[in-house]
Each structure stands twice: as structure tokens, then as C-alpha cells.
Amino acid sequence: MHLILRWALNTLALFVVVTVVPGFHYHSIVSLAIAALILGLLNAIVRPILVFLTLPLTIVTLGLFLIVLNAVMLELTAFFAPGFRIDDFVAALIGAVVLAIISWITNQIGRKPEKER
């Protein structure tokens, strides 16, 4: 059940990105749901490998290269997802930042409060 809830929240986050950031296009909510599923799979499988391979660059840029890596994940999602398209890499960069902020907020909502010591 938790996995379906995360998928729905990621679909909603992707909908907000498509609505707010110019350069993102989709055909239907089904295409957004498929794109959210593909993005989740890419983030689970491909992203850790890319983070490891680009670790020196990430360290040199003090972690800012992770934004570029997130934009690459969005571009890969647009490549594999039917009905989901990103115009250019700048839009993907802006979308990566917006998606990171939305994901941070949804993760805070879904967390259980920590016990005080």
C-alpha cells in the first residue's frame, strides 16, 4: 500500500512540475502516471550507478552536480515514457529543482514524527 501511495504522490509531484515549469508536456494523466513509474524505476536502478560514477565531480561541485543528475533522470524518463516530453535541458534542470522541493515536502508529510529524548 505504501508503494502505491508513493507512486500517486510522485505522479502528483510530476503534475505540479508539468504545470509550473514551461517546457514540460504530457498527453494525459495516464502518461504522467507511466512517467512517474519510469522515473521511480530509473531512480532506483540507474541513478545509484550514475551517482557512484560521478562522485568525484559531485564532490568538486559540493553536491550541485546532483541537480544535473536529476535533470538527466528526467530526460531519460521523457525518452522512455510515451506522451511525456521535455523541450530542452534547461527546462529539465528547472524541473529537477522543483521536483526535488516537492519530493522533500511529500517526504516530510509521510514521515512519522521522531520521538523526543
PDB file of N, CA and C in Angstrom:
ATOM      1  N   MET A   1       0.825  -1.198   0.000  1.00  0.00           N
ATOM      2  CA  MET A   1       0.000   0.000   0.000  1.00  0.00           C
ATOM      3  C   MET A   1       0.873   1.267   0.000  1.00  0.00           C
ATOM      4  N   HIS A   2       1.984   1.200   0.741  1.00  0.00           N
ATOM      5  CA  HIS A   2       2.885   2.350   0.806  1.00  0.00           C
ATOM      6  C   HIS A   2       3.468   2.671  -0.571  1.00  0.00           C
ATOM      7  N   LEU A   3       3.773   1.629  -1.337  1.00  0.00           N
ATOM      8  CA  LEU A   3       4.350   1.812  -2.673  1.00  0.00           C
ATOM      9  C   LEU A   3       3.360   2.505  -3.613  1.00  0.00           C
ATOM     10  N   ILE A   4       2.099   2.146  -3.535  1.00  0.00           N
ATOM     11  CA  ILE A   4       1.070   2.776  -4.377  1.00  0.00           C
ATOM     12  C   ILE A   4       0.875   4.238  -3.973  1.00  0.00           C
ATOM     13  N   LEU A   5       0.942   4.508  -2.664  1.00  0.00           N
ATOM     14  CA  LEU A   5       0.828   5.885  -2.192  1.00  0.00           C
ATOM     15  C   LEU A   5       1.997   6.730  -2.679  1.00  0.00           C
ATOM     16  N   ARG A   6       3.216   6.190  -2.634  1.00  0.00           N
ATOM     17  CA  ARG A   6       4.388   6.906  -3.125  1.00  0.00           C
ATOM     18  C   ARG A   6       4.264   7.173  -4.634  1.00  0.00           C
ATOM     19  N   TRP A   7       3.759   6.173  -5.373  1.00  0.00           N
ATOM     20  CA  TRP A   7       3.576   6.348  -6.812  1.00  0.00           C
ATOM     21  C   TRP A   7       2.562   7.464  -7.091  1.00  0.00           C
ATOM     22  N   ALA A   8       1.470   7.499  -6.343  1.00  0.00           N
ATOM     23  CA  ALA A   8       0.467   8.542  -6.513  1.00  0.00           C
ATOM     24  C   ALA A   8       1.039   9.915  -6.167  1.00  0.00           C
ATOM     25  N   LEU A   9       1.829   9.986  -5.102  1.00  0.00           N
ATOM     26  CA  LEU A   9       2.443  11.265  -4.735  1.00  0.00           C
ATOM     27  C   LEU A   9       3.464  11.712  -5.782  1.00  0.00           C
ATOM     28  N   ASN A  10       4.212  10.769  -6.335  1.00  0.00           N
ATOM     29  CA  ASN A  10       5.162  11.117  -7.394  1.00  0.00           C
ATOM     30  C   ASN A  10       4.447  11.564  -8.661  1.00  0.00           C
ATOM     31  N   THR A  11       3.320  10.949  -8.960  1.00  0.00           N
ATOM     32  CA  THR A  11       2.521  11.389 -10.109  1.00  0.00           C
ATOM     33  C   THR A  11       2.002  12.799  -9.885  1.00  0.00           C
ATOM     34  N   LEU A  12       1.535  13.077  -8.672  1.00  0.00           N
ATOM     35  CA  LEU A  12       1.070  14.420  -8.341  1.00  0.00           C
ATOM     36  C   LEU A  12       2.212  15.431  -8.412  1.00  0.00           C
ATOM     37  N   ALA A  13       3.385  15.051  -7.924  1.00  0.00           N
ATOM     38  CA  ALA A  13       4.548  15.936  -7.989  1.00  0.00           C
ATOM     39  C   ALA A  13       4.937  16.213  -9.437  1.00  0.00           C
ATOM     40  N   LEU A  14       4.899  15.194 -10.266  1.00  0.00           N
ATOM     41  CA  LEU A  14       5.210  15.375 -11.679  1.00  0.00           C
ATOM     42  C   LEU A  14       4.161  16.260 -12.364  1.00  0.00           C
ATOM     43  N   PHE A  15       2.904  16.142 -11.940  1.00  0.00           N
ATOM     44  CA  PHE A  15       1.846  17.008 -12.471  1.00  0.00           C
ATOM     45  C   PHE A  15       2.115  18.468 -12.113  1.00  0.00           C
ATOM     46  N   VAL A  16       2.554  18.709 -10.883  1.00  0.00           N
ATOM     47  CA  VAL A  16       2.873  20.081 -10.475  1.00  0.00           C
ATOM     48  C   VAL A  16       4.040  20.616 -11.301  1.00  0.00           C
ATOM     49  N   VAL A  17       5.041  19.797 -11.525  1.00  0.00           N
ATOM     50  CA  VAL A  17       6.192  20.218 -12.334  1.00  0.00           C
ATOM     51  C   VAL A  17       5.745  20.557 -13.751  1.00  0.00           C
ATOM     52  N   VAL A  18       4.913  19.714 -14.340  1.00  0.00           N
ATOM     53  CA  VAL A  18       4.432  19.951 -15.707  1.00  0.00           C
ATOM     54  C   VAL A  18       3.598  21.227 -15.765  1.00  0.00           C
ATOM     55  N   THR A  19       2.855  21.513 -14.701  1.00  0.00           N
ATOM     56  CA  THR A  19       2.008  22.697 -14.668  1.00  0.00           C
ATOM     57  C   THR A  19       2.821  23.973 -14.456  1.00  0.00           C
ATOM     58  N   VAL A  20       3.835  23.907 -13.605  1.00  0.00           N
ATOM     59  CA  VAL A  20       4.573  25.103 -13.209  1.00  0.00           C
ATOM     60  C   VAL A  20       5.723  25.429 -14.168  1.00  0.00           C
ATOM     61  N   VAL A  21       6.453  24.428 -14.613  1.00  0.00           N
ATOM     62  CA  VAL A  21       7.666  24.651 -15.400  1.00  0.00           C
ATOM     63  C   VAL A  21       7.334  24.640 -16.893  1.00  0.00           C
ATOM     64  N   PRO A  22       7.653  25.711 -17.600  1.00  0.00           N
ATOM     65  CA  PRO A  22       7.445  25.691 -19.052  1.00  0.00           C
ATOM     66  C   PRO A  22       8.452  24.757 -19.715  1.00  0.00           C
ATOM     67  N   GLY A  23       8.004  24.090 -20.759  1.00  0.00           N
ATOM     68  CA  GLY A  23       8.877  23.166 -21.476  1.00  0.00           C
ATOM     69  C   GLY A  23       8.555  21.710 -21.211  1.00  0.00           C
ATOM     70  N   PHE A  24       7.665  21.427 -20.263  1.00  0.00           N
ATOM     71  CA  PHE A  24       7.207  20.071 -19.985  1.00  0.00           C
ATOM     72  C   PHE A  24       5.846  19.877 -20.637  1.00  0.00           C
ATOM     73  N   HIS A  25       5.635  18.729 -21.279  1.00  0.00           N
ATOM     74  CA  HIS A  25       4.376  18.445 -21.958  1.00  0.00           C
ATOM     75  C   HIS A  25       3.938  17.015 -21.668  1.00  0.00           C
ATOM     76  N   TYR A  26       2.638  16.811 -21.570  1.00  0.00           N
ATOM     77  CA  TYR A  26       2.093  15.469 -21.393  1.00  0.00           C
ATOM     78  C   TYR A  26       0.755  15.376 -22.111  1.00  0.00           C
ATOM     79  N   HIS A  27       0.358  14.132 -22.452  1.00  0.00           N
ATOM     80  CA  HIS A  27      -0.891  13.937 -23.180  1.00  0.00           C
ATOM     81  C   HIS A  27      -2.068  13.669 -22.260  1.00  0.00           C
ATOM     82  N   SER A  28      -1.867  12.887 -21.209  1.00  0.00           N
ATOM     83  CA  SER A  28      -2.959  12.559 -20.301  1.00  0.00           C
ATOM     84  C   SER A  28      -2.379  12.242 -18.931  1.00  0.00           C
ATOM     85  N   ILE A  29      -3.257  12.090 -17.957  1.00  0.00           N
ATOM     86  CA  ILE A  29      -2.826  11.741 -16.618  1.00  0.00           C
ATOM     87  C   ILE A  29      -2.233  10.329 -16.592  1.00  0.00           C
ATOM     88  N   VAL A  30      -2.671   9.485 -17.511  1.00  0.00           N
ATOM     89  CA  VAL A  30      -2.108   8.135 -17.605  1.00  0.00           C
ATOM     90  C   VAL A  30      -0.651   8.208 -18.045  1.00  0.00           C
ATOM     91  N   SER A  31      -0.355   9.092 -18.994  1.00  0.00           N
ATOM     92  CA  SER A  31       1.037   9.237 -19.420  1.00  0.00           C
ATOM     93  C   SER A  31       1.899   9.793 -18.293  1.00  0.00           C
ATOM     94  N   LEU A  32       1.327  10.659 -17.454  1.00  0.00           N
ATOM     95  CA  LEU A  32       2.068  11.155 -16.292  1.00  0.00           C
ATOM     96  C   LEU A  32       2.303  10.050 -15.273  1.00  0.00           C
ATOM     97  N   ALA A  33       1.305   9.192 -15.068  1.00  0.00           N
ATOM     98  CA  ALA A  33       1.458   8.077 -14.133  1.00  0.00           C
ATOM     99  C   ALA A  33       2.526   7.098 -14.625  1.00  0.00           C
ATOM    100  N   ILE A  34       2.551   6.853 -15.924  1.00  0.00           N
ATOM    101  CA  ILE A  34       3.583   5.980 -16.500  1.00  0.00           C
ATOM    102  C   ILE A  34       4.955   6.642 -16.363  1.00  0.00           C
ATOM    103  N   ALA A  35       5.014   7.957 -16.604  1.00  0.00           N
ATOM    104  CA  ALA A  35       6.283   8.673 -16.460  1.00  0.00           C
ATOM    105  C   ALA A  35       6.767   8.636 -15.011  1.00  0.00           C
ATOM    106  N   ALA A  36       5.856   8.766 -14.047  1.00  0.00           N
ATOM    107  CA  ALA A  36       6.240   8.689 -12.634  1.00  0.00           C
ATOM    108  C   ALA A  36       6.762   7.303 -12.287  1.00  0.00           C
ATOM    109  N   LEU A  37       6.153   6.279 -12.853  1.00  0.00           N
ATOM    110  CA  LEU A  37       6.618   4.909 -12.624  1.00  0.00           C
ATOM    111  C   LEU A  37       8.014   4.704 -13.226  1.00  0.00           C
ATOM    112  N   ILE A  38       8.214   5.172 -14.438  1.00  0.00           N
ATOM    113  CA  ILE A  38       9.517   5.044 -15.093  1.00  0.00           C
ATOM    114  C   ILE A  38      10.575   5.847 -14.336  1.00  0.00           C
ATOM    115  N   LEU A  39      10.218   7.057 -13.888  1.00  0.00           N
ATOM    116  CA  LEU A  39      11.156   7.867 -13.121  1.00  0.00           C
ATOM    117  C   LEU A  39      11.547   7.173 -11.821  1.00  0.00           C
ATOM    118  N   GLY A  40      10.587   6.557 -11.165  1.00  0.00           N
ATOM    119  CA  GLY A  40      10.885   5.812  -9.942  1.00  0.00           C
ATOM    120  C   GLY A  40      11.808   4.642 -10.193  1.00  0.00           C
ATOM    121  N   LEU A  41      11.570   3.927 -11.280  1.00  0.00           N
ATOM    122  CA  LEU A  41      12.445   2.795 -11.612  1.00  0.00           C
ATOM    123  C   LEU A  41      13.855   3.260 -11.978  1.00  0.00           C
ATOM    124  N   LEU A  42      13.941   4.339 -12.755  1.00  0.00           N
ATOM    125  CA  LEU A  42      15.255   4.870 -13.107  1.00  0.00           C
ATOM    126  C   LEU A  42      16.005   5.364 -11.874  1.00  0.00           C
ATOM    127  N   ASN A  43      15.292   6.011 -10.962  1.00  0.00           N
ATOM    128  CA  ASN A  43      15.925   6.497  -9.740  1.00  0.00           C
ATOM    129  C   ASN A  43      16.370   5.357  -8.839  1.00  0.00           C
ATOM    130  N   ALA A  44      15.687   4.233  -8.915  1.00  0.00           N
ATOM    131  CA  ALA A  44      16.052   3.088  -8.082  1.00  0.00           C
ATOM    132  C   ALA A  44      17.182   2.266  -8.686  1.00  0.00           C
ATOM    133  N   ILE A  45      17.272   2.219  -9.999  1.00  0.00           N
ATOM    134  CA  ILE A  45      18.240   1.323 -10.648  1.00  0.00           C
ATOM    135  C   ILE A  45      19.425   2.081 -11.245  1.00  0.00           C
ATOM    136  N   VAL A  46      19.164   3.084 -12.076  1.00  0.00           N
ATOM    137  CA  VAL A  46      20.229   3.752 -12.827  1.00  0.00           C
ATOM    138  C   VAL A  46      20.909   4.844 -12.005  1.00  0.00           C
ATOM    139  N   ARG A  47      20.136   5.609 -11.253  1.00  0.00           N
ATOM    140  CA  ARG A  47      20.688   6.757 -10.525  1.00  0.00           C
ATOM    141  C   ARG A  47      21.809   6.376  -9.562  1.00  0.00           C
ATOM    142  N   PRO A  48      21.691   5.314  -8.756  1.00  0.00           N
ATOM    143  CA  PRO A  48      22.813   4.976  -7.858  1.00  0.00           C
ATOM    144  C   PRO A  48      24.117   4.691  -8.609  1.00  0.00           C
ATOM    145  N   ILE A  49      24.014   4.078  -9.766  1.00  0.00           N
ATOM    146  CA  ILE A  49      25.209   3.803 -10.566  1.00  0.00           C
ATOM    147  C   ILE A  49      25.820   5.111 -11.053  1.00  0.00           C
ATOM    148  N   LEU A  50      24.980   6.026 -11.543  1.00  0.00           N
ATOM    149  CA  LEU A  50      25.484   7.313 -12.018  1.00  0.00           C
ATOM    150  C   LEU A  50      26.044   8.159 -10.885  1.00  0.00           C
ATOM    151  N   VAL A  51      25.422   8.093  -9.704  1.00  0.00           N
ATOM    152  CA  VAL A  51      25.943   8.832  -8.553  1.00  0.00           C
ATOM    153  C   VAL A  51      27.334   8.314  -8.199  1.00  0.00           C
ATOM    154  N   PHE A  52      27.520   7.007  -8.222  1.00  0.00           N
ATOM    155  CA  PHE A  52      28.832   6.431  -7.922  1.00  0.00           C
ATOM    156  C   PHE A  52      29.869   6.829  -8.961  1.00  0.00           C
ATOM    157  N   LEU A  53      29.498   6.776 -10.224  1.00  0.00           N
ATOM    158  CA  LEU A  53      30.446   7.099 -11.293  1.00  0.00           C
ATOM    159  C   LEU A  53      30.830   8.577 -11.317  1.00  0.00           C
ATOM    160  N   THR A  54      29.925   9.437 -10.898  1.00  0.00           N
ATOM    161  CA  THR A  54      30.189  10.876 -10.938  1.00  0.00           C
ATOM    162  C   THR A  54      30.528  11.441  -9.560  1.00  0.00           C
ATOM    163  N   LEU A  55      30.887  10.584  -8.622  1.00  0.00           N
ATOM    164  CA  LEU A  55      31.180  11.030  -7.259  1.00  0.00           C
ATOM    165  C   LEU A  55      32.296  12.080  -7.197  1.00  0.00           C
ATOM    166  N   PRO A  56      33.405  11.928  -7.916  1.00  0.00           N
ATOM    167  CA  PRO A  56      34.427  12.991  -7.860  1.00  0.00           C
ATOM    168  C   PRO A  56      33.910  14.354  -8.327  1.00  0.00           C
ATOM    169  N   LEU A  57      33.118  14.363  -9.396  1.00  0.00           N
ATOM    170  CA  LEU A  57      32.549  15.616  -9.890  1.00  0.00           C
ATOM    171  C   LEU A  57      31.551  16.196  -8.889  1.00  0.00           C
ATOM    172  N   THR A  58      30.803  15.328  -8.243  1.00  0.00           N
ATOM    173  CA  THR A  58      29.841  15.777  -7.232  1.00  0.00           C
ATOM    174  C   THR A  58      30.569  16.392  -6.041  1.00  0.00           C
ATOM    175  N   ILE A  59      31.683  15.808  -5.648  1.00  0.00           N
ATOM    176  CA  ILE A  59      32.453  16.349  -4.529  1.00  0.00           C
ATOM    177  C   ILE A  59      33.053  17.707  -4.895  1.00  0.00           C
ATOM    178  N   VAL A  60      33.600  17.817  -6.096  1.00  0.00           N
ATOM    179  CA  VAL A  60      34.213  19.071  -6.532  1.00  0.00           C
ATOM    180  C   VAL A  60      33.175  20.191  -6.600  1.00  0.00           C
ATOM    181  N   THR A  61      31.956  19.868  -7.019  1.00  0.00           N
ATOM    182  CA  THR A  61      30.911  20.891  -7.138  1.00  0.00           C
ATOM    183  C   THR A  61      30.089  21.030  -5.864  1.00  0.00           C
ATOM    184  N   LEU A  62      30.552  20.395  -4.785  1.00  0.00           N
ATOM    185  CA  LEU A  62      29.873  20.451  -3.484  1.00  0.00           C
ATOM    186  C   LEU A  62      28.423  19.976  -3.554  1.00  0.00           C
ATOM    187  N   GLY A  63      28.184  18.982  -4.382  1.00  0.00           N
ATOM    188  CA  GLY A  63      26.870  18.361  -4.477  1.00  0.00           C
ATOM    189  C   GLY A  63      25.939  18.959  -5.509  1.00  0.00           C
ATOM    190  N   LEU A  64      26.325  20.067  -6.116  1.00  0.00           N
ATOM    191  CA  LEU A  64      25.444  20.713  -7.094  1.00  0.00           C
ATOM    192  C   LEU A  64      25.276  19.886  -8.365  1.00  0.00           C
ATOM    193  N   PHE A  65      26.228  18.992  -8.636  1.00  0.00           N
ATOM    194  CA  PHE A  65      26.104  18.157  -9.826  1.00  0.00           C
ATOM    195  C   PHE A  65      24.924  17.189  -9.706  1.00  0.00           C
ATOM    196  N   LEU A  66      24.456  16.942  -8.492  1.00  0.00           N
ATOM    197  CA  LEU A  66      23.291  16.058  -8.313  1.00  0.00           C
ATOM    198  C   LEU A  66      22.039  16.644  -8.967  1.00  0.00           C
ATOM    199  N   ILE A  67      21.964  17.969  -9.056  1.00  0.00           N
ATOM    200  CA  ILE A  67      20.842  18.594  -9.757  1.00  0.00           C
ATOM    201  C   ILE A  67      20.909  18.245 -11.241  1.00  0.00           C
ATOM    202  N   VAL A  68      22.107  18.279 -11.801  1.00  0.00           N
ATOM    203  CA  VAL A  68      22.294  17.897 -13.206  1.00  0.00           C
ATOM    204  C   VAL A  68      21.928  16.429 -13.391  1.00  0.00           C
ATOM    205  N   LEU A  69      22.316  15.597 -12.427  1.00  0.00           N
ATOM    206  CA  LEU A  69      21.997  14.178 -12.496  1.00  0.00           C
ATOM    207  C   LEU A  69      20.482  13.945 -12.440  1.00  0.00           C
ATOM    208  N   ASN A  70      19.786  14.713 -11.614  1.00  0.00           N
ATOM    209  CA  ASN A  70      18.323  14.616 -11.560  1.00  0.00           C
ATOM    210  C   ASN A  70      17.691  15.065 -12.875  1.00  0.00           C
ATOM    211  N   ALA A  71      18.273  16.078 -13.508  1.00  0.00           N
ATOM    212  CA  ALA A  71      17.774  16.525 -14.813  1.00  0.00           C
ATOM    213  C   ALA A  71      17.989  15.446 -15.865  1.00  0.00           C
ATOM    214  N   VAL A  72      19.116  14.749 -15.780  1.00  0.00           N
ATOM    215  CA  VAL A  72      19.373  13.644 -16.709  1.00  0.00           C
ATOM    216  C   VAL A  72      18.339  12.535 -16.505  1.00  0.00           C
ATOM    217  N   MET A  73      17.977  12.265 -15.260  1.00  0.00           N
ATOM    218  CA  MET A  73      16.946  11.249 -14.980  1.00  0.00           C
ATOM    219  C   MET A  73      15.598  11.667 -15.578  1.00  0.00           C
ATOM    220  N   LEU A  74      15.280  12.961 -15.503  1.00  0.00           N
ATOM    221  CA  LEU A  74      14.039  13.443 -16.125  1.00  0.00           C
ATOM    222  C   LEU A  74      14.099  13.309 -17.640  1.00  0.00           C
ATOM    223  N   GLU A  75      15.249  13.618 -18.233  1.00  0.00           N
ATOM    224  CA  GLU A  75      15.397  13.474 -19.687  1.00  0.00           C
ATOM    225  C   GLU A  75      15.276  12.005 -20.103  1.00  0.00           C
ATOM    226  N   LEU A  76      15.864  11.099 -19.329  1.00  0.00           N
ATOM    227  CA  LEU A  76      15.714   9.670 -19.628  1.00  0.00           C
ATOM    228  C   LEU A  76      14.257   9.228 -19.499  1.00  0.00           C
ATOM    229  N   THR A  77      13.569   9.768 -18.515  1.00  0.00           N
ATOM    230  CA  THR A  77      12.146   9.459 -18.358  1.00  0.00           C
ATOM    231  C   THR A  77      11.362   9.922 -19.573  1.00  0.00           C
ATOM    232  N   ALA A  78      11.667  11.126 -20.046  1.00  0.00           N
ATOM    233  CA  ALA A  78      10.975  11.638 -21.242  1.00  0.00           C
ATOM    234  C   ALA A  78      11.291  10.795 -22.462  1.00  0.00           C
ATOM    235  N   PHE A  79      12.487  10.218 -22.510  1.00  0.00           N
ATOM    236  CA  PHE A  79      12.852   9.366 -23.636  1.00  0.00           C
ATOM    237  C   PHE A  79      12.054   8.059 -23.624  1.00  0.00           C
ATOM    238  N   PHE A  80      11.859   7.484 -22.448  1.00  0.00           N
ATOM    239  CA  PHE A  80      11.196   6.181 -22.344  1.00  0.00           C
ATOM    240  C   PHE A  80       9.677   6.260 -22.183  1.00  0.00           C
ATOM    241  N   ALA A  81       9.158   7.357 -21.668  1.00  0.00           N
ATOM    242  CA  ALA A  81       7.723   7.455 -21.371  1.00  0.00           C
ATOM    243  C   ALA A  81       6.960   7.987 -22.578  1.00  0.00           C
ATOM    244  N   PRO A  82       5.969   7.236 -23.043  1.00  0.00           N
ATOM    245  CA  PRO A  82       5.151   7.742 -24.144  1.00  0.00           C
ATOM    246  C   PRO A  82       4.214   8.855 -23.655  1.00  0.00           C
ATOM    247  N   GLY A  83       4.111   9.913 -24.424  1.00  0.00           N
ATOM    248  CA  GLY A  83       3.212  11.005 -24.076  1.00  0.00           C
ATOM    249  C   GLY A  83       3.780  11.979 -23.068  1.00  0.00           C
ATOM    250  N   PHE A  84       5.052  11.879 -22.751  1.00  0.00           N
ATOM    251  CA  PHE A  84       5.713  12.797 -21.815  1.00  0.00           C
ATOM    252  C   PHE A  84       6.940  13.338 -22.522  1.00  0.00           C
ATOM    253  N   ARG A  85       7.065  14.679 -22.566  1.00  0.00           N
ATOM    254  CA  ARG A  85       8.135  15.288 -23.349  1.00  0.00           C
ATOM    255  C   ARG A  85       8.685  16.508 -22.627  1.00  0.00           C
ATOM    256  N   ILE A  86       9.997  16.703 -22.737  1.00  0.00           N
ATOM    257  CA  ILE A  86      10.669  17.885 -22.204  1.00  0.00           C
ATOM    258  C   ILE A  86      11.357  18.575 -23.381  1.00  0.00           C
ATOM    259  N   ASP A  87      11.152  19.887 -23.514  1.00  0.00           N
ATOM    260  CA  ASP A  87      11.688  20.624 -24.661  1.00  0.00           C
ATOM    261  C   ASP A  87      13.208  20.689 -24.677  1.00  0.00           C
ATOM    262  N   ASP A  88      13.819  21.101 -23.569  1.00  0.00           N
ATOM    263  CA  ASP A  88      15.272  21.254 -23.557  1.00  0.00           C
ATOM    264  C   ASP A  88      15.831  20.940 -22.174  1.00  0.00           C
ATOM    265  N   PHE A  89      17.164  20.956 -22.078  1.00  0.00           N
ATOM    266  CA  PHE A  89      17.822  20.570 -20.835  1.00  0.00           C
ATOM    267  C   PHE A  89      17.644  21.622 -19.741  1.00  0.00           C
ATOM    268  N   VAL A  90      17.498  22.876 -20.123  1.00  0.00           N
ATOM    269  CA  VAL A  90      17.276  23.930 -19.130  1.00  0.00           C
ATOM    270  C   VAL A  90      15.944  23.706 -18.422  1.00  0.00           C
ATOM    271  N   ALA A  91      14.926  23.339 -19.182  1.00  0.00           N
ATOM    272  CA  ALA A  91      13.635  23.023 -18.576  1.00  0.00           C
ATOM    273  C   ALA A  91      13.769  21.812 -17.646  1.00  0.00           C
ATOM    274  N   ALA A  92      14.574  20.829 -18.046  1.00  0.00           N
ATOM    275  CA  ALA A  92      14.794  19.657 -17.201  1.00  0.00           C
ATOM    276  C   ALA A  92      15.509  20.042 -15.911  1.00  0.00           C
ATOM    277  N   LEU A  93      16.463  20.968 -15.985  1.00  0.00           N
ATOM    278  CA  LEU A  93      17.151  21.444 -14.786  1.00  0.00           C
ATOM    279  C   LEU A  93      16.193  22.141 -13.822  1.00  0.00           C
ATOM    280  N   ILE A  94      15.375  23.026 -14.357  1.00  0.00           N
ATOM    281  CA  ILE A  94      14.400  23.730 -13.516  1.00  0.00           C
ATOM    282  C   ILE A  94      13.393  22.735 -12.950  1.00  0.00           C
ATOM    283  N   GLY A  95      12.955  21.802 -13.781  1.00  0.00           N
ATOM    284  CA  GLY A  95      12.028  20.772 -13.317  1.00  0.00           C
ATOM    285  C   GLY A  95      12.638  19.891 -12.240  1.00  0.00           C
ATOM    286  N   ALA A  96      13.933  19.614 -12.338  1.00  0.00           N
ATOM    287  CA  ALA A  96      14.614  18.800 -11.324  1.00  0.00           C
ATOM    288  C   ALA A  96      14.618  19.514  -9.976  1.00  0.00           C
ATOM    289  N   VAL A  97      14.849  20.826  -9.999  1.00  0.00           N
ATOM    290  CA  VAL A  97      14.838  21.593  -8.745  1.00  0.00           C
ATOM    291  C   VAL A  97      13.434  21.615  -8.141  1.00  0.00           C
ATOM    292  N   VAL A  98      12.434  21.883  -8.970  1.00  0.00           N
ATOM    293  CA  VAL A  98      11.049  21.918  -8.480  1.00  0.00           C
ATOM    294  C   VAL A  98      10.627  20.540  -7.968  1.00  0.00           C
ATOM    295  N   LEU A  99      10.973  19.506  -8.692  1.00  0.00           N
ATOM    296  CA  LEU A  99      10.625  18.143  -8.275  1.00  0.00           C
ATOM    297  C   LEU A  99      11.315  17.775  -6.968  1.00  0.00           C
ATOM    298  N   ALA A 100      12.552  18.216  -6.778  1.00  0.00           N
ATOM    299  CA  ALA A 100      13.261  17.946  -5.527  1.00  0.00           C
ATOM    300  C   ALA A 100      12.571  18.629  -4.349  1.00  0.00           C
ATOM    301  N   ILE A 101      12.125  19.857  -4.542  1.00  0.00           N
ATOM    302  CA  ILE A 101      11.429  20.583  -3.476  1.00  0.00           C
ATOM    303  C   ILE A 101      10.109  19.900  -3.145  1.00  0.00           C
ATOM    304  N   ILE A 102       9.357  19.524  -4.165  1.00  0.00           N
ATOM    305  CA  ILE A 102       8.069  18.861  -3.941  1.00  0.00           C
ATOM    306  C   ILE A 102       8.274  17.502  -3.283  1.00  0.00           C
ATOM    307  N   SER A 103       9.281  16.763  -3.710  1.00  0.00           N
ATOM    308  CA  SER A 103       9.559  15.459  -3.115  1.00  0.00           C
ATOM    309  C   SER A 103       9.969  15.600  -1.655  1.00  0.00           C
ATOM    310  N   TRP A 104      10.731  16.634  -1.344  1.00  0.00           N
ATOM    311  CA  TRP A 104      11.123  16.870   0.039  1.00  0.00           C
ATOM    312  C   TRP A 104       9.884  17.145   0.900  1.00  0.00           C
ATOM    313  N   ILE A 105       8.957  17.939   0.383  1.00  0.00           N
ATOM    314  CA  ILE A 105       7.734  18.250   1.122  1.00  0.00           C
ATOM    315  C   ILE A 105       6.885  17.000   1.319  1.00  0.00           C
ATOM    316  N   THR A 106       6.709  16.208   0.270  1.00  0.00           N
ATOM    317  CA  THR A 106       5.890  14.997   0.407  1.00  0.00           C
ATOM    318  C   THR A 106       6.547  13.973   1.321  1.00  0.00           C
ATOM    319  N   ASN A 107       7.879  13.922   1.346  1.00  0.00           N
ATOM    320  CA  ASN A 107       8.556  13.027   2.276  1.00  0.00           C
ATOM    321  C   ASN A 107       8.374  13.483   3.714  1.00  0.00           C
ATOM    322  N   GLN A 108       8.312  14.786   3.944  1.00  0.00           N
ATOM    323  CA  GLN A 108       8.087  15.299   5.294  1.00  0.00           C
ATOM    324  C   GLN A 108       6.663  15.007   5.763  1.00  0.00           C
ATOM    325  N   ILE A 109       5.717  15.034   4.846  1.00  0.00           N
ATOM    326  CA  ILE A 109       4.320  14.745   5.194  1.00  0.00           C
ATOM    327  C   ILE A 109       4.164  13.273   5.542  1.00  0.00           C
ATOM    328  N   GLY A 110       4.817  12.416   4.808  1.00  0.00           N
ATOM    329  CA  GLY A 110       4.657  10.990   5.016  1.00  0.00           C
ATOM    330  C   GLY A 110       5.468  10.406   6.168  1.00  0.00           C
ATOM    331  N   ARG A 111       6.345  11.199   6.781  1.00  0.00           N
ATOM    332  CA  ARG A 111       7.192  10.686   7.855  1.00  0.00           C
ATOM    333  C   ARG A 111       6.441  10.629   9.178  1.00  0.00           C
ATOM    334  N   LYS A 112       6.852   9.681   9.968  1.00  0.00           N
ATOM    335  CA  LYS A 112       6.356   9.617  11.334  1.00  0.00           C
ATOM    336  C   LYS A 112       7.218  10.540  12.177  1.00  0.00           C
ATOM    337  N   PRO A 113       6.610  11.269  13.120  1.00  0.00           N
ATOM    338  CA  PRO A 113       7.420  12.157  13.936  1.00  0.00           C
ATOM    339  C   PRO A 113       8.389  11.377  14.824  1.00  0.00           C
ATOM    340  N   GLU A 114       9.601  11.938  14.947  1.00  0.00           N
ATOM    341  CA  GLU A 114      10.594  11.287  15.779  1.00  0.00           C
ATOM    342  C   GLU A 114      10.267  11.536  17.239  1.00  0.00           C
ATOM    343  N   LYS A 115      10.589  10.543  18.061  1.00  0.00           N
ATOM    344  CA  LYS A 115      10.352  10.689  19.495  1.00  0.00           C
ATOM    345  C   LYS A 115      11.406  11.625  20.094  1.00  0.00           C
ATOM    346  N   GLU A 116      10.956  12.459  21.000  1.00  0.00           N
ATOM    347  CA  GLU A 116      11.885  13.356  21.664  1.00  0.00           C
ATOM    348  C   GLU A 116      12.609  12.595  22.759  1.00  0.00           C
ATOM    349  N   ARG A 117      13.854  12.967  23.003  1.00  0.00           N
ATOM    350  CA  ARG A 117      14.654  12.281  24.019  1.00  0.00           C
ATOM    351  C   ARG A 117      14.392  12.807  25.383  1.00  0.00           C
TER     352      ARG A 117
END
